[in-house]
Every structure is written in C-alpha cells, then in structure tokens.
N, C-alpha and C. Protein backbone atom coordinates (compact mmCIF):
# COMPACT_ATOMS: atom_id res chain seq x y z
N MET A 1 102.58 98.11 95.35
CA MET A 1 101.53 97.75 93.89
C MET A 1 102.15 97.70 92.87
N LYS A 2 101.96 96.67 92.00
CA LYS A 2 103.07 96.04 90.89
C LYS A 2 101.63 96.61 89.88
N ILE A 3 102.08 97.11 88.97
CA ILE A 3 101.23 97.16 87.71
C ILE A 3 101.33 96.55 87.19
N LYS A 4 100.12 95.64 86.31
CA LYS A 4 99.63 94.14 85.77
C LYS A 4 100.46 94.24 84.03
N PHE A 5 100.52 93.37 83.42
CA PHE A 5 101.25 93.36 82.41
C PHE A 5 100.57 94.30 81.39
N LYS A 6 98.94 93.80 81.97
CA LYS A 6 97.85 94.43 80.56
C LYS A 6 98.41 96.12 80.53
N ASN A 7 98.24 96.77 82.11
CA ASN A 7 98.63 97.90 82.03
C ASN A 7 100.11 98.73 81.30
N TYR A 8 100.75 97.72 81.17
CA TYR A 8 102.13 97.93 79.99
C TYR A 8 101.45 98.20 78.55
N LEU A 9 101.03 96.98 78.37
CA LEU A 9 100.43 96.59 77.00
C LEU A 9 100.16 97.84 76.70
N ILE A 10 98.95 98.41 77.46
CA ILE A 10 98.11 99.55 77.38
C ILE A 10 99.00 101.22 76.74
N ILE A 11 100.05 101.15 77.79
CA ILE A 11 101.28 102.25 77.28
C ILE A 11 101.99 102.07 76.22
N ILE A 12 102.48 101.06 76.01
CA ILE A 12 103.09 100.86 74.41
C ILE A 12 102.06 101.22 73.17
N ILE A 13 100.65 100.65 73.77
CA ILE A 13 100.09 101.19 72.51
C ILE A 13 99.64 102.39 72.28
N LEU A 14 99.63 103.28 73.26
CA LEU A 14 99.40 104.40 73.20
C LEU A 14 100.97 105.40 72.45
N PHE A 15 101.68 104.92 73.19
CA PHE A 15 102.85 105.43 72.29
C PHE A 15 103.25 105.43 71.21
N PHE A 16 103.48 103.91 70.76
CA PHE A 16 102.83 103.96 69.42
C PHE A 16 102.07 104.10 68.34
N SER A 17 100.78 104.55 68.79
CA SER A 17 99.80 104.51 68.12
C SER A 17 99.36 105.51 67.01
N PHE A 18 100.41 106.81 67.36
CA PHE A 18 99.79 107.57 66.33
C PHE A 18 101.65 107.28 64.54
N LYS A 19 102.25 106.45 64.84
CA LYS A 19 103.16 106.30 63.88
C LYS A 19 102.61 105.97 62.49
N ASN A 20 101.78 106.05 62.00
CA ASN A 20 101.29 105.76 60.99
C ASN A 20 100.51 107.13 60.14
N LEU A 21 100.45 108.46 61.41
CA LEU A 21 99.68 109.48 61.14
C LEU A 21 100.42 110.49 60.51
N TYR A 22 101.58 110.80 60.94
CA TYR A 22 103.02 111.82 60.36
C TYR A 22 103.43 111.49 59.22
N SER A 23 103.94 112.52 58.92
CA SER A 23 105.34 112.45 57.54
C SER A 23 106.40 112.47 58.34
N GLN A 24 106.51 112.70 59.66
CA GLN A 24 107.73 113.06 59.90
C GLN A 24 108.16 112.53 61.49
N ILE A 25 108.78 111.68 61.98
CA ILE A 25 108.75 111.06 63.34
C ILE A 25 110.11 111.48 63.68
N ASP A 26 110.50 112.10 64.81
CA ASP A 26 111.30 111.78 65.72
C ASP A 26 111.88 111.29 67.12
N ILE A 27 112.67 110.63 67.18
CA ILE A 27 112.92 109.58 68.41
C ILE A 27 113.74 109.74 69.10
N GLY A 28 113.87 110.30 70.22
CA GLY A 28 115.07 110.87 71.17
C GLY A 28 114.90 109.76 72.82
N ILE A 29 116.25 110.29 72.96
CA ILE A 29 116.21 109.79 74.82
C ILE A 29 117.02 110.76 75.21
N HIS A 30 116.15 111.30 76.82
CA HIS A 30 116.91 112.05 77.52
C HIS A 30 116.77 111.69 79.18
N GLY A 31 117.42 112.33 79.63
CA GLY A 31 117.77 111.99 81.36
C GLY A 31 118.41 113.28 82.21
N GLY A 32 118.13 113.80 82.91
CA GLY A 32 118.83 114.93 84.09
C GLY A 32 118.39 114.77 85.48
N LEU A 33 118.26 115.85 85.66
CA LEU A 33 118.37 116.37 87.46
C LEU A 33 116.50 116.96 87.14
N ASN A 34 115.51 116.08 88.32
CA ASN A 34 114.55 115.94 88.70
C ASN A 34 114.40 116.74 90.10
N LEU A 35 113.62 117.94 90.19
CA LEU A 35 113.21 119.10 91.98
C LEU A 35 111.93 118.96 92.04
N SER A 36 111.36 117.80 92.65
CA SER A 36 109.85 117.83 93.39
C SER A 36 110.08 117.90 94.71
N SER A 37 108.43 118.25 94.82
CA SER A 37 108.14 118.45 96.51
C SER A 37 106.35 118.48 96.18
N ILE A 38 105.77 118.69 97.26
CA ILE A 38 104.25 118.27 97.44
C ILE A 38 103.62 119.55 97.56
N SER A 39 102.29 119.74 97.25
CA SER A 39 101.62 121.34 97.54
C SER A 39 100.81 120.91 98.64
N LEU A 40 101.10 121.78 99.66
CA LEU A 40 100.06 121.82 101.05
C LEU A 40 99.79 123.29 101.20
N PRO A 41 98.76 123.69 100.87
CA PRO A 41 98.57 125.10 101.13
C PRO A 41 97.80 125.76 102.40
N LYS A 42 97.90 124.73 103.13
CA LYS A 42 96.97 124.91 104.34
C LYS A 42 98.11 124.74 105.64
N ILE A 43 98.86 124.04 105.32
CA ILE A 43 100.03 123.58 106.57
C ILE A 43 100.31 124.60 107.14
N ASP A 44 100.33 124.37 108.90
CA ASP A 44 100.92 125.51 109.48
C ASP A 44 101.16 124.77 110.67
N ILE A 45 102.26 124.28 110.91
CA ILE A 45 102.84 123.62 112.15
C ILE A 45 103.97 123.61 112.36
N SER A 46 103.85 124.14 113.88
CA SER A 46 105.46 124.84 113.79
C SER A 46 106.75 123.76 114.02
N GLY A 47 107.80 124.17 113.52
CA GLY A 47 108.91 123.28 113.17
C GLY A 47 108.77 122.22 112.45
N VAL A 48 107.75 122.13 111.38
CA VAL A 48 107.86 121.57 110.33
C VAL A 48 107.98 122.29 109.16
N GLY A 49 109.08 121.67 108.08
CA GLY A 49 109.46 122.49 106.79
C GLY A 49 108.99 121.68 105.82
N ILE A 50 108.47 121.53 104.59
CA ILE A 50 108.50 120.76 103.71
C ILE A 50 109.76 121.27 102.20
N GLY A 51 110.07 120.73 101.74
CA GLY A 51 111.58 120.96 100.85
C GLY A 51 111.45 120.72 99.77
N PHE A 52 112.07 120.77 98.56
CA PHE A 52 112.16 120.09 97.35
C PHE A 52 113.11 118.68 98.00
N LEU A 53 113.33 117.88 97.04
CA LEU A 53 113.76 116.52 96.97
C LEU A 53 114.82 116.34 95.30
N PRO A 54 115.66 116.40 95.18
CA PRO A 54 116.68 116.55 94.04
C PRO A 54 116.70 114.88 94.00
N ALA A 55 116.16 114.40 92.55
CA ALA A 55 116.54 113.11 92.18
C ALA A 55 116.86 113.34 90.90
N TYR A 56 116.24 111.98 89.93
CA TYR A 56 116.25 111.99 88.54
C TYR A 56 115.15 111.28 87.80
N SER A 57 115.31 111.51 86.45
CA SER A 57 114.48 111.30 85.68
C SER A 57 114.90 110.76 84.03
N PHE A 58 114.59 109.84 83.27
CA PHE A 58 115.73 109.66 82.23
C PHE A 58 114.28 108.93 81.33
N GLY A 59 114.65 108.93 80.00
CA GLY A 59 113.08 108.36 79.18
C GLY A 59 113.35 108.44 77.51
N VAL A 60 111.86 108.00 77.28
CA VAL A 60 112.23 108.05 75.33
C VAL A 60 111.31 109.10 75.10
N ARG A 61 111.50 110.15 74.04
CA ARG A 61 110.29 111.04 73.51
C ARG A 61 110.18 110.87 72.39
N ILE A 62 109.31 110.75 71.74
CA ILE A 62 108.85 110.69 70.48
C ILE A 62 107.92 112.17 69.96
N ASN A 63 108.71 112.79 69.24
CA ASN A 63 107.62 113.87 68.06
C ASN A 63 107.21 113.70 66.96
N TYR A 64 106.22 114.39 67.06
CA TYR A 64 104.97 113.66 65.64
C TYR A 64 104.92 115.19 65.23
N GLU A 65 105.37 115.52 63.77
CA GLU A 65 105.61 116.07 63.15
C GLU A 65 103.69 116.98 62.51
N ILE A 66 103.00 117.36 62.90
CA ILE A 66 101.98 117.81 62.73
C ILE A 66 101.86 118.55 61.23
N VAL A 67 102.13 119.76 61.53
CA VAL A 67 102.01 120.83 60.38
C VAL A 67 102.95 121.90 60.71
N ASN A 68 103.51 122.59 59.47
CA ASN A 68 104.63 123.94 59.90
C ASN A 68 105.71 123.49 61.03
N ASP A 69 105.08 124.61 62.13
CA ASP A 69 106.36 124.68 63.50
C ASP A 69 105.43 123.92 64.63
N TYR A 70 104.21 122.93 64.56
CA TYR A 70 103.59 122.54 65.85
C TYR A 70 103.77 121.27 65.28
N SER A 71 103.59 120.02 66.18
CA SER A 71 103.66 118.62 66.65
C SER A 71 103.41 118.11 67.65
N PHE A 72 102.90 117.00 67.55
CA PHE A 72 102.62 116.58 69.01
C PHE A 72 103.90 115.41 69.67
N VAL A 73 103.96 115.56 70.57
CA VAL A 73 104.88 115.22 71.52
C VAL A 73 104.50 113.80 72.97
N GLN A 74 104.96 112.37 72.73
CA GLN A 74 104.99 111.83 73.17
C GLN A 74 106.15 111.13 74.45
N GLU A 75 105.79 110.63 75.50
CA GLU A 75 107.05 110.60 76.27
C GLU A 75 106.36 109.19 77.21
N ILE A 76 107.83 108.58 77.59
CA ILE A 76 107.93 107.47 78.54
C ILE A 76 108.90 107.79 79.24
N ASN A 77 108.49 108.46 80.49
CA ASN A 77 109.67 108.43 81.59
C ASN A 77 109.48 107.96 82.99
N TYR A 78 110.75 107.50 83.30
CA TYR A 78 110.91 106.98 84.60
C TYR A 78 111.41 107.88 85.58
N SER A 79 110.35 108.00 86.36
CA SER A 79 110.89 109.95 87.27
C SER A 79 111.03 109.20 88.84
N ILE A 80 111.97 109.44 89.89
CA ILE A 80 112.14 109.72 91.10
C ILE A 80 111.03 111.14 91.53
N LYS A 81 109.78 111.21 91.75
CA LYS A 81 109.56 112.36 92.88
C LYS A 81 108.64 111.99 94.12
N GLY A 82 108.71 113.50 94.85
CA GLY A 82 108.52 113.32 95.91
C GLY A 82 108.84 113.95 97.05
N HIS A 83 109.06 114.28 98.23
CA HIS A 83 109.76 115.39 98.88
C HIS A 83 110.36 115.48 100.08
N LYS A 84 110.50 116.51 101.11
CA LYS A 84 111.80 116.12 101.89
C LYS A 84 110.95 116.91 102.92
N VAL A 85 110.93 116.55 104.11
CA VAL A 85 109.84 117.30 105.45
C VAL A 85 111.01 116.94 106.70
N ASN A 86 111.32 118.50 106.85
CA ASN A 86 112.12 118.88 108.10
C ASN A 86 110.98 118.45 109.50
N ILE A 87 111.31 118.15 109.94
CA ILE A 87 110.84 118.21 111.48
C ILE A 87 111.34 118.04 112.79
N LEU A 88 111.80 119.35 113.26
CA LEU A 88 113.05 119.83 114.40
C LEU A 88 113.99 119.08 114.32
N GLY A 89 114.55 119.42 112.83
CA GLY A 89 115.79 119.34 112.52
C GLY A 89 116.21 117.41 112.08
N ILE A 90 114.69 117.08 112.22
CA ILE A 90 115.39 115.42 111.45
C ILE A 90 114.71 115.64 110.24
N LYS A 91 115.29 114.86 109.37
CA LYS A 91 114.93 115.10 107.86
C LYS A 91 114.23 113.67 107.46
N GLU A 92 112.98 113.79 106.84
CA GLU A 92 112.06 112.44 106.00
C GLU A 92 112.40 112.76 104.57
N TYR A 93 113.03 111.88 103.74
CA TYR A 93 112.79 111.79 102.37
C TYR A 93 111.80 110.71 101.73
N TYR A 94 110.81 111.11 101.00
CA TYR A 94 110.23 110.44 100.55
C TYR A 94 110.09 110.61 99.10
N ASN A 95 110.59 109.35 98.27
CA ASN A 95 110.81 108.89 97.04
C ASN A 95 109.75 108.20 96.20
N ASN A 96 109.26 108.28 95.60
CA ASN A 96 107.89 107.72 95.22
C ASN A 96 108.64 107.65 93.37
N SER A 97 108.60 106.21 92.96
CA SER A 97 109.16 106.20 91.46
C SER A 97 107.82 106.15 90.96
N TYR A 98 107.74 106.74 89.66
CA TYR A 98 106.91 106.91 88.76
C TYR A 98 107.05 106.50 87.23
N ILE A 99 106.16 105.97 86.71
CA ILE A 99 106.37 106.02 85.42
C ILE A 99 105.08 106.91 84.84
N GLU A 100 105.60 107.78 84.11
CA GLU A 100 105.17 109.16 83.63
C GLU A 100 104.90 109.44 81.99
N MET A 101 103.52 109.60 81.60
CA MET A 101 103.50 109.70 80.20
C MET A 101 102.87 111.47 80.27
N PRO A 102 103.40 111.99 79.27
CA PRO A 102 103.56 112.79 78.73
C PRO A 102 102.76 113.19 77.66
N PHE A 103 101.50 114.30 77.04
CA PHE A 103 100.84 114.31 76.13
C PHE A 103 100.99 115.83 75.64
N LEU A 104 102.33 116.00 74.73
CA LEU A 104 102.26 117.70 74.63
C LEU A 104 101.94 118.22 73.20
N VAL A 105 101.73 119.28 73.04
CA VAL A 105 101.69 119.72 71.84
C VAL A 105 102.91 120.45 72.03
N SER A 106 103.71 121.11 70.78
CA SER A 106 104.78 121.49 70.83
C SER A 106 104.79 122.78 69.88
N TYR A 107 105.37 124.16 70.19
CA TYR A 107 105.08 125.06 68.91
C TYR A 107 106.99 124.88 68.85
N LYS A 108 107.22 125.40 67.56
CA LYS A 108 109.12 125.35 67.54
C LYS A 108 108.63 126.64 65.98
N PRO A 109 109.09 127.42 66.27
CA PRO A 109 109.52 128.40 65.21
C PRO A 109 110.72 128.22 64.66
N GLN A 110 112.12 128.16 65.40
CA GLN A 110 112.63 128.29 65.28
C GLN A 110 113.80 126.80 65.67
N ASN A 111 114.94 127.16 66.39
CA ASN A 111 115.02 125.81 67.41
C ASN A 111 114.95 126.03 68.78
N ILE A 112 114.09 126.72 69.20
CA ILE A 112 113.55 126.97 70.31
C ILE A 112 112.20 126.72 70.31
N SER A 113 111.56 125.19 71.22
CA SER A 113 110.35 124.61 71.46
C SER A 113 109.79 125.15 72.22
N PHE A 114 108.69 125.53 72.90
CA PHE A 114 107.47 125.28 73.67
C PHE A 114 106.20 124.66 73.68
N GLU A 115 106.37 123.94 74.88
CA GLU A 115 105.23 123.05 75.04
C GLU A 115 104.56 122.67 76.24
N VAL A 116 103.10 122.41 75.91
CA VAL A 116 102.46 122.13 77.34
C VAL A 116 101.63 121.14 77.01
N GLY A 117 101.06 120.33 78.08
CA GLY A 117 100.14 119.09 78.09
C GLY A 117 99.51 118.61 79.00
N PRO A 118 99.06 117.61 79.18
CA PRO A 118 98.74 116.65 80.66
C PRO A 118 99.54 115.42 80.48
N TYR A 119 99.81 115.03 81.48
CA TYR A 119 100.77 114.04 81.71
C TYR A 119 99.75 112.97 83.10
N LEU A 120 100.01 111.81 82.86
CA LEU A 120 99.52 110.80 83.31
C LEU A 120 100.77 109.76 84.14
N GLY A 121 100.88 109.55 85.26
CA GLY A 121 101.89 108.86 86.05
C GLY A 121 100.94 107.94 86.80
N PHE A 122 102.41 106.36 86.94
CA PHE A 122 101.50 105.61 87.40
C PHE A 122 102.71 104.96 88.61
N ALA A 123 102.40 105.17 90.08
CA ALA A 123 103.17 105.06 91.08
C ALA A 123 103.67 103.47 91.05
N LEU A 124 105.10 103.10 90.88
CA LEU A 124 105.60 102.03 91.27
C LEU A 124 106.50 102.01 92.59
N LYS A 125 106.90 102.93 93.61
CA LYS A 125 107.12 102.27 95.00
C LYS A 125 107.48 103.41 95.40
N GLN A 126 107.56 103.59 96.92
CA GLN A 126 107.84 104.23 97.96
C GLN A 126 108.58 104.16 99.03
N VAL A 127 109.70 104.93 98.73
CA VAL A 127 110.94 104.65 99.42
C VAL A 127 110.70 105.61 100.61
N ILE A 128 110.86 105.24 101.80
CA ILE A 128 111.17 106.39 103.02
C ILE A 128 112.71 106.47 103.52
N ARG A 129 112.81 107.34 103.62
CA ARG A 129 114.18 107.32 104.58
C ARG A 129 114.58 108.20 105.71
N ASN A 130 114.76 108.06 106.69
CA ASN A 130 115.31 108.69 108.01
C ASN A 130 116.51 109.49 107.94
N SER A 131 116.45 110.89 108.52
CA SER A 131 117.74 111.09 108.79
C SER A 131 119.10 110.95 110.03
N SER A 132 118.03 110.45 111.18
CA SER A 132 118.99 109.80 112.08
C SER A 132 118.68 109.07 112.76
N ILE A 133 117.91 107.81 111.73
CA ILE A 133 118.71 106.12 111.59
C ILE A 133 119.04 105.88 110.02
N ASP A 134 119.40 104.42 110.28
CA ASP A 134 119.90 103.63 109.52
C ASP A 134 118.53 102.81 109.09
N HIS A 135 117.19 103.20 108.16
CA HIS A 135 116.55 102.45 108.27
C HIS A 135 115.70 103.31 107.00
N VAL A 136 115.16 102.01 106.26
CA VAL A 136 114.98 102.18 105.34
C VAL A 136 113.02 101.91 105.42
N ASP A 137 112.43 102.56 104.94
CA ASP A 137 110.86 102.31 104.99
C ASP A 137 110.34 102.09 103.72
N TYR A 138 109.19 101.38 103.14
CA TYR A 138 108.73 101.21 102.10
C TYR A 138 107.17 101.29 102.58
N GLY A 139 106.69 102.49 101.70
CA GLY A 139 105.08 102.82 101.62
C GLY A 139 103.94 102.08 100.86
N LYS A 140 103.33 102.33 101.28
CA LYS A 140 101.84 101.53 100.83
C LYS A 140 101.57 102.48 99.56
N ILE A 141 101.25 101.90 98.62
CA ILE A 141 100.30 102.19 97.33
C ILE A 141 98.62 101.65 97.13
N GLY A 142 98.02 102.38 96.86
CA GLY A 142 96.68 102.18 96.83
C GLY A 142 95.63 102.85 97.07
N ASN A 143 94.21 102.50 97.04
CA ASN A 143 93.55 103.76 97.13
C ASN A 143 92.82 103.96 98.13
N ASN A 144 92.79 103.50 99.51
CA ASN A 144 92.55 103.46 100.81
C ASN A 144 92.84 105.08 101.07
N GLN A 145 92.12 105.53 101.17
CA GLN A 145 91.57 107.23 101.73
C GLN A 145 91.71 107.33 102.97
N ASP A 146 91.57 106.12 104.24
CA ASP A 146 91.71 106.34 105.40
C ASP A 146 92.93 106.31 105.81
N ASP A 147 93.59 105.54 105.17
CA ASP A 147 95.60 105.69 105.54
C ASP A 147 96.40 106.81 105.44
N ASP A 148 97.06 107.31 105.89
CA ASP A 148 97.33 108.75 105.81
C ASP A 148 99.08 107.74 105.13
N ASP A 149 99.43 106.93 105.35
CA ASP A 149 100.56 106.30 104.57
C ASP A 149 100.60 106.04 102.88
N THR A 150 99.27 105.87 102.47
CA THR A 150 98.67 105.18 101.23
C THR A 150 98.46 106.19 99.94
N LEU A 151 100.13 105.79 99.63
CA LEU A 151 100.02 106.64 98.22
C LEU A 151 99.07 106.18 97.03
N LYS A 152 98.33 107.34 96.03
CA LYS A 152 97.61 106.93 95.25
C LYS A 152 98.06 106.45 94.09
N PRO A 153 97.58 104.90 93.02
CA PRO A 153 98.58 104.55 92.08
C PRO A 153 98.75 105.68 90.86
N ILE A 154 97.55 106.37 90.79
CA ILE A 154 97.35 107.39 90.09
C ILE A 154 97.80 108.65 90.23
N ASP A 155 98.72 109.35 89.26
CA ASP A 155 98.93 110.90 89.07
C ASP A 155 98.42 111.85 87.86
N ILE A 156 97.66 112.63 87.95
CA ILE A 156 97.69 113.33 86.60
C ILE A 156 97.71 114.80 87.16
N GLY A 157 98.58 115.71 86.09
CA GLY A 157 98.70 116.52 86.51
C GLY A 157 98.80 117.72 85.01
N VAL A 158 99.70 118.74 84.65
CA VAL A 158 99.81 119.65 83.96
C VAL A 158 101.04 120.29 83.70
N LYS A 159 101.49 119.79 82.68
CA LYS A 159 102.97 119.84 82.30
C LYS A 159 103.62 121.04 80.90
N PHE A 160 104.56 121.82 81.80
CA PHE A 160 104.83 123.27 80.70
C PHE A 160 106.26 122.86 80.41
N GLY A 161 107.05 123.04 79.15
CA GLY A 161 108.47 123.21 78.52
C GLY A 161 109.07 123.84 77.77
N ILE A 162 110.39 124.16 77.74
CA ILE A 162 110.73 124.85 76.77
C ILE A 162 112.22 123.63 76.52
N SER A 163 112.51 123.73 75.01
CA SER A 163 113.50 123.15 74.29
C SER A 163 113.98 124.07 73.75
N ILE A 164 115.21 123.84 73.74
CA ILE A 164 116.43 124.25 72.93
C ILE A 164 117.26 123.30 72.20
N SER A 165 117.27 123.64 70.48
CA SER A 165 118.14 122.27 70.35
C SER A 165 119.58 123.12 69.39
N LEU A 166 119.98 122.02 69.67
CA LEU A 166 121.43 122.20 69.48
C LEU A 166 122.30 121.58 67.91
N GLU A 167 123.22 121.40 68.42
CA GLU A 167 123.62 120.62 66.81
C GLU A 167 123.26 118.96 67.22
N LYS A 168 123.55 118.65 67.93
CA LYS A 168 123.69 117.02 68.53
C LYS A 168 122.85 116.75 69.89
N ILE A 169 122.52 117.64 70.83
CA ILE A 169 122.21 117.43 71.82
C ILE A 169 120.49 118.47 71.98
N VAL A 170 119.53 118.51 72.91
CA VAL A 170 118.75 119.33 73.55
C VAL A 170 118.79 119.25 74.76
N LEU A 171 118.67 120.45 74.58
CA LEU A 171 118.77 120.92 76.52
C LEU A 171 117.17 121.40 76.66
N ARG A 172 117.09 120.79 77.87
CA ARG A 172 114.94 120.49 78.08
C ARG A 172 114.99 120.98 79.53
N SER A 173 113.84 121.97 79.93
CA SER A 173 113.59 122.47 81.04
C SER A 173 112.33 122.24 81.14
N SER A 174 111.50 121.90 82.15
CA SER A 174 109.93 121.96 82.36
C SER A 174 109.60 121.71 83.90
N ALA A 175 108.62 122.25 83.95
CA ALA A 175 107.57 122.36 85.15
C ALA A 175 106.53 121.48 85.05
N ALA A 176 106.09 120.92 86.45
CA ALA A 176 104.81 120.18 86.31
C ALA A 176 104.14 119.99 87.53
N PHE A 177 102.57 120.15 87.34
CA PHE A 177 101.66 120.82 88.31
C PHE A 177 100.82 119.80 88.34
N GLY A 178 100.71 118.94 89.69
CA GLY A 178 99.76 117.68 89.92
C GLY A 178 98.66 118.35 89.96
N ILE A 179 97.65 117.74 89.34
CA ILE A 179 95.82 118.75 89.96
C ILE A 179 95.19 117.33 90.53
N SER A 180 95.59 116.00 91.17
CA SER A 180 95.18 115.34 91.68
C SER A 180 95.66 114.96 92.79
N ASN A 181 94.87 114.55 93.78
CA ASN A 181 94.93 114.28 95.32
C ASN A 181 95.53 112.87 95.44
N THR A 182 97.10 113.49 96.27
CA THR A 182 98.34 111.76 95.75
C THR A 182 98.15 111.07 97.07
N ARG A 183 97.79 111.74 98.31
CA ARG A 183 97.47 111.52 99.46
C ARG A 183 96.66 111.90 99.82
N PRO A 184 95.02 110.99 99.78
CA PRO A 184 94.06 111.55 100.23
C PRO A 184 93.72 111.86 102.07
N GLY A 185 94.39 110.74 102.57
CA GLY A 185 94.31 110.51 104.09
C GLY A 185 95.32 111.13 104.66
N GLY A 186 96.49 111.53 104.03
CA GLY A 186 97.77 112.30 104.63
C GLY A 186 97.88 113.69 104.48
N GLY A 187 96.76 113.86 104.21
CA GLY A 187 97.10 115.67 104.36
C GLY A 187 96.58 116.22 105.18
N GLY A 188 96.25 115.85 105.96
CA GLY A 188 95.14 116.67 107.26
C GLY A 188 94.34 117.99 107.33
N GLY A 189 93.71 117.77 106.05
CA GLY A 189 92.63 118.64 105.17
C GLY A 189 93.04 118.60 104.02
N ASN A 190 94.09 118.95 103.86
CA ASN A 190 94.74 119.49 102.23
C ASN A 190 94.77 118.27 101.28
N SER A 191 94.70 118.75 100.24
CA SER A 191 95.30 118.11 99.01
C SER A 191 96.26 118.11 98.70
N VAL A 192 96.88 116.89 98.76
CA VAL A 192 98.36 116.76 98.76
C VAL A 192 98.89 116.63 97.03
N LYS A 193 99.61 117.39 96.16
CA LYS A 193 99.49 117.61 95.13
C LYS A 193 101.13 117.55 94.72
N ASN A 194 101.56 116.50 94.10
CA ASN A 194 102.72 116.88 93.47
C ASN A 194 103.06 118.07 92.35
N ILE A 195 104.49 118.71 92.88
CA ILE A 195 104.79 119.75 91.75
C ILE A 195 106.53 119.31 91.76
N SER A 196 107.37 119.52 90.25
CA SER A 196 108.39 118.98 89.75
C SER A 196 108.87 120.48 89.05
N THR A 197 110.44 120.09 88.60
CA THR A 197 111.08 121.11 87.92
C THR A 197 112.05 120.35 87.53
N GLN A 198 112.41 119.65 85.90
CA GLN A 198 113.39 118.77 85.47
C GLN A 198 114.63 119.73 84.81
N PHE A 199 115.18 119.26 84.55
CA PHE A 199 116.61 120.02 83.60
C PHE A 199 117.28 119.04 83.00
N LEU A 200 116.93 118.20 81.61
CA LEU A 200 117.07 117.24 81.02
C LEU A 200 117.83 117.49 79.87
N ILE A 201 118.95 116.81 79.37
CA ILE A 201 119.69 116.64 78.23
C ILE A 201 119.46 115.66 77.55
N GLY A 202 118.98 115.98 75.98
CA GLY A 202 118.16 115.11 75.37
C GLY A 202 119.04 114.70 74.21
N PHE A 203 118.99 113.56 73.28
CA PHE A 203 119.84 112.91 72.06
C PHE A 203 118.90 112.10 71.47
N PRO A 204 118.96 112.28 70.24
CA PRO A 204 117.93 112.05 69.13
C PRO A 204 118.82 110.70 68.58
N ILE A 205 117.63 109.84 68.46
CA ILE A 205 118.45 108.31 68.32
C ILE A 205 118.26 107.94 66.71
N TYR A 206 116.85 108.84 66.55
CA TYR A 206 116.15 108.22 65.11
C TYR A 206 115.39 108.92 64.38
N LEU A 207 115.52 109.30 63.40
CA LEU A 207 114.49 110.15 62.13
C LEU A 207 113.75 109.74 61.21
N PHE A 208 112.03 109.20 61.05
CA PHE A 208 112.03 108.98 60.14
C PHE A 208 111.08 109.73 59.14
N ASP A 209 111.38 110.26 58.00
CA ASP A 209 110.78 111.17 57.00
C ASP A 209 110.37 110.87 56.19
N ASP A 210 108.77 110.52 55.81
CA ASP A 210 108.05 110.28 54.79
C ASP A 210 108.03 110.59 53.51
N LYS A 211 108.89 112.52 53.74
CA LYS A 211 109.09 112.58 51.97
C LYS A 211 110.69 112.41 51.90
N ILE A 212 111.29 112.61 52.67
CA ILE A 212 112.59 111.75 52.44
C ILE A 212 112.70 110.16 51.59
N LYS A 213 111.77 109.55 52.21
CA LYS A 213 111.98 108.25 51.86
C LYS A 213 111.60 108.42 50.35
N LYS A 214 110.40 109.03 50.50
CA LYS A 214 110.06 108.92 49.10
C LYS A 214 110.31 109.30 47.36
N LYS A 215 111.91 110.14 47.75
CA LYS A 215 112.40 110.94 46.92
C LYS A 215 113.26 109.84 46.08
C-alpha cells in the first residue's frame, strides 16, 4: 500500500505547525539501532519462538521550548520494525518499514532529558525473509481482518525515552509499546502489538532563538 500525497502533506503540516508558538526551536537529526519484536501474550506452540529483530531507525527531530525545563518534541522517523520467528530451527524475518511520528513532552533539568508521549506509525512495506531458502516475499498492507498475512497500515503506541546531551552530540535511548493490533487476522486469538527499543546518536543542526534574535 502506498501512502497518498495528501497524507504526506498532513505529516508536513503537523510537523511544522508549532513553529511560530515558541521562542526557541532546536532542530536535529538522529540515527542508530532499532531492536523490535511483537507482543503475543497467549502463544504456547511447541517448537516456535519469537525474538527481536535488529534493524535501524533515522529521522528529524524538532524541540520546541515551552517554559523553563519543559519542551514539546516532534519527530519524523523512518524505522524498520518487525520480529523474528524460529520454527524448529528455521528462521523467518519480518521487516516492516514505517514512517513514525512521536509527539513527546520532554523534561530536561540539566543535560539529561526524560520524554514520554504517543506515536503514530504509517506502514510502508513488509519484507519477509526465510533462512532456509534464498527467497524474499513481500507481505500485504491493508485492513482485511480475515487475512493473517495482512499488516494494518496504522500503528499507534506510547514511547518513553531518555537523552544525554554532550558538547556536539546527543545520546538517546527509548522504548516504544504498541497499543493497536497490527495484525488482527494473524494472532491466533491474540492481539499482535509492536514493541521496540532504540539506541540513537543525534546531531543538532539548527537553533532558532527568538530572544537572541531580538537583542
């Protein structure tokens, strides 16, 4: 499934809609490791295991200062999320490409910031690889709840994070927990939810400070 042009336009409008409301805006880029899997609380099948999938994430981050140590954070990230399935020694890798938009509230008393807020993800593509054969399968994205191979186009969840600001870089770690069922037909009665942990390195690229500008 392809996201239409109007959906990209909505993302851009949301991303920059707050620019004129705050006196200080920090813009940066980041990238790094993304470890993801799925939550299946009731699975109990002999010989079947579900593990984490190592992949990557990168994107743009805008920090809007609200007051003192508090700020509002918006991001647009491209992330590979998914999971690994081990069936009697044969491994299948589910690589799901997402455009993700976290909306976070940040508290930064010194050089350490704590963040929490919801995220919205748009599924772009699903690639399935098998360790026993040299073959790549492309999954389906849609809202067909009767088809266990269909990935839902929208993922909603909650994200928690911590960042450490150094002189020229930012070290960032976060955990995200999905609250929406991303595969209604494929959970065997379970709700299939995304879970992920990220370890990113960020680089500030632009600072707009209205107070400095007015002096």
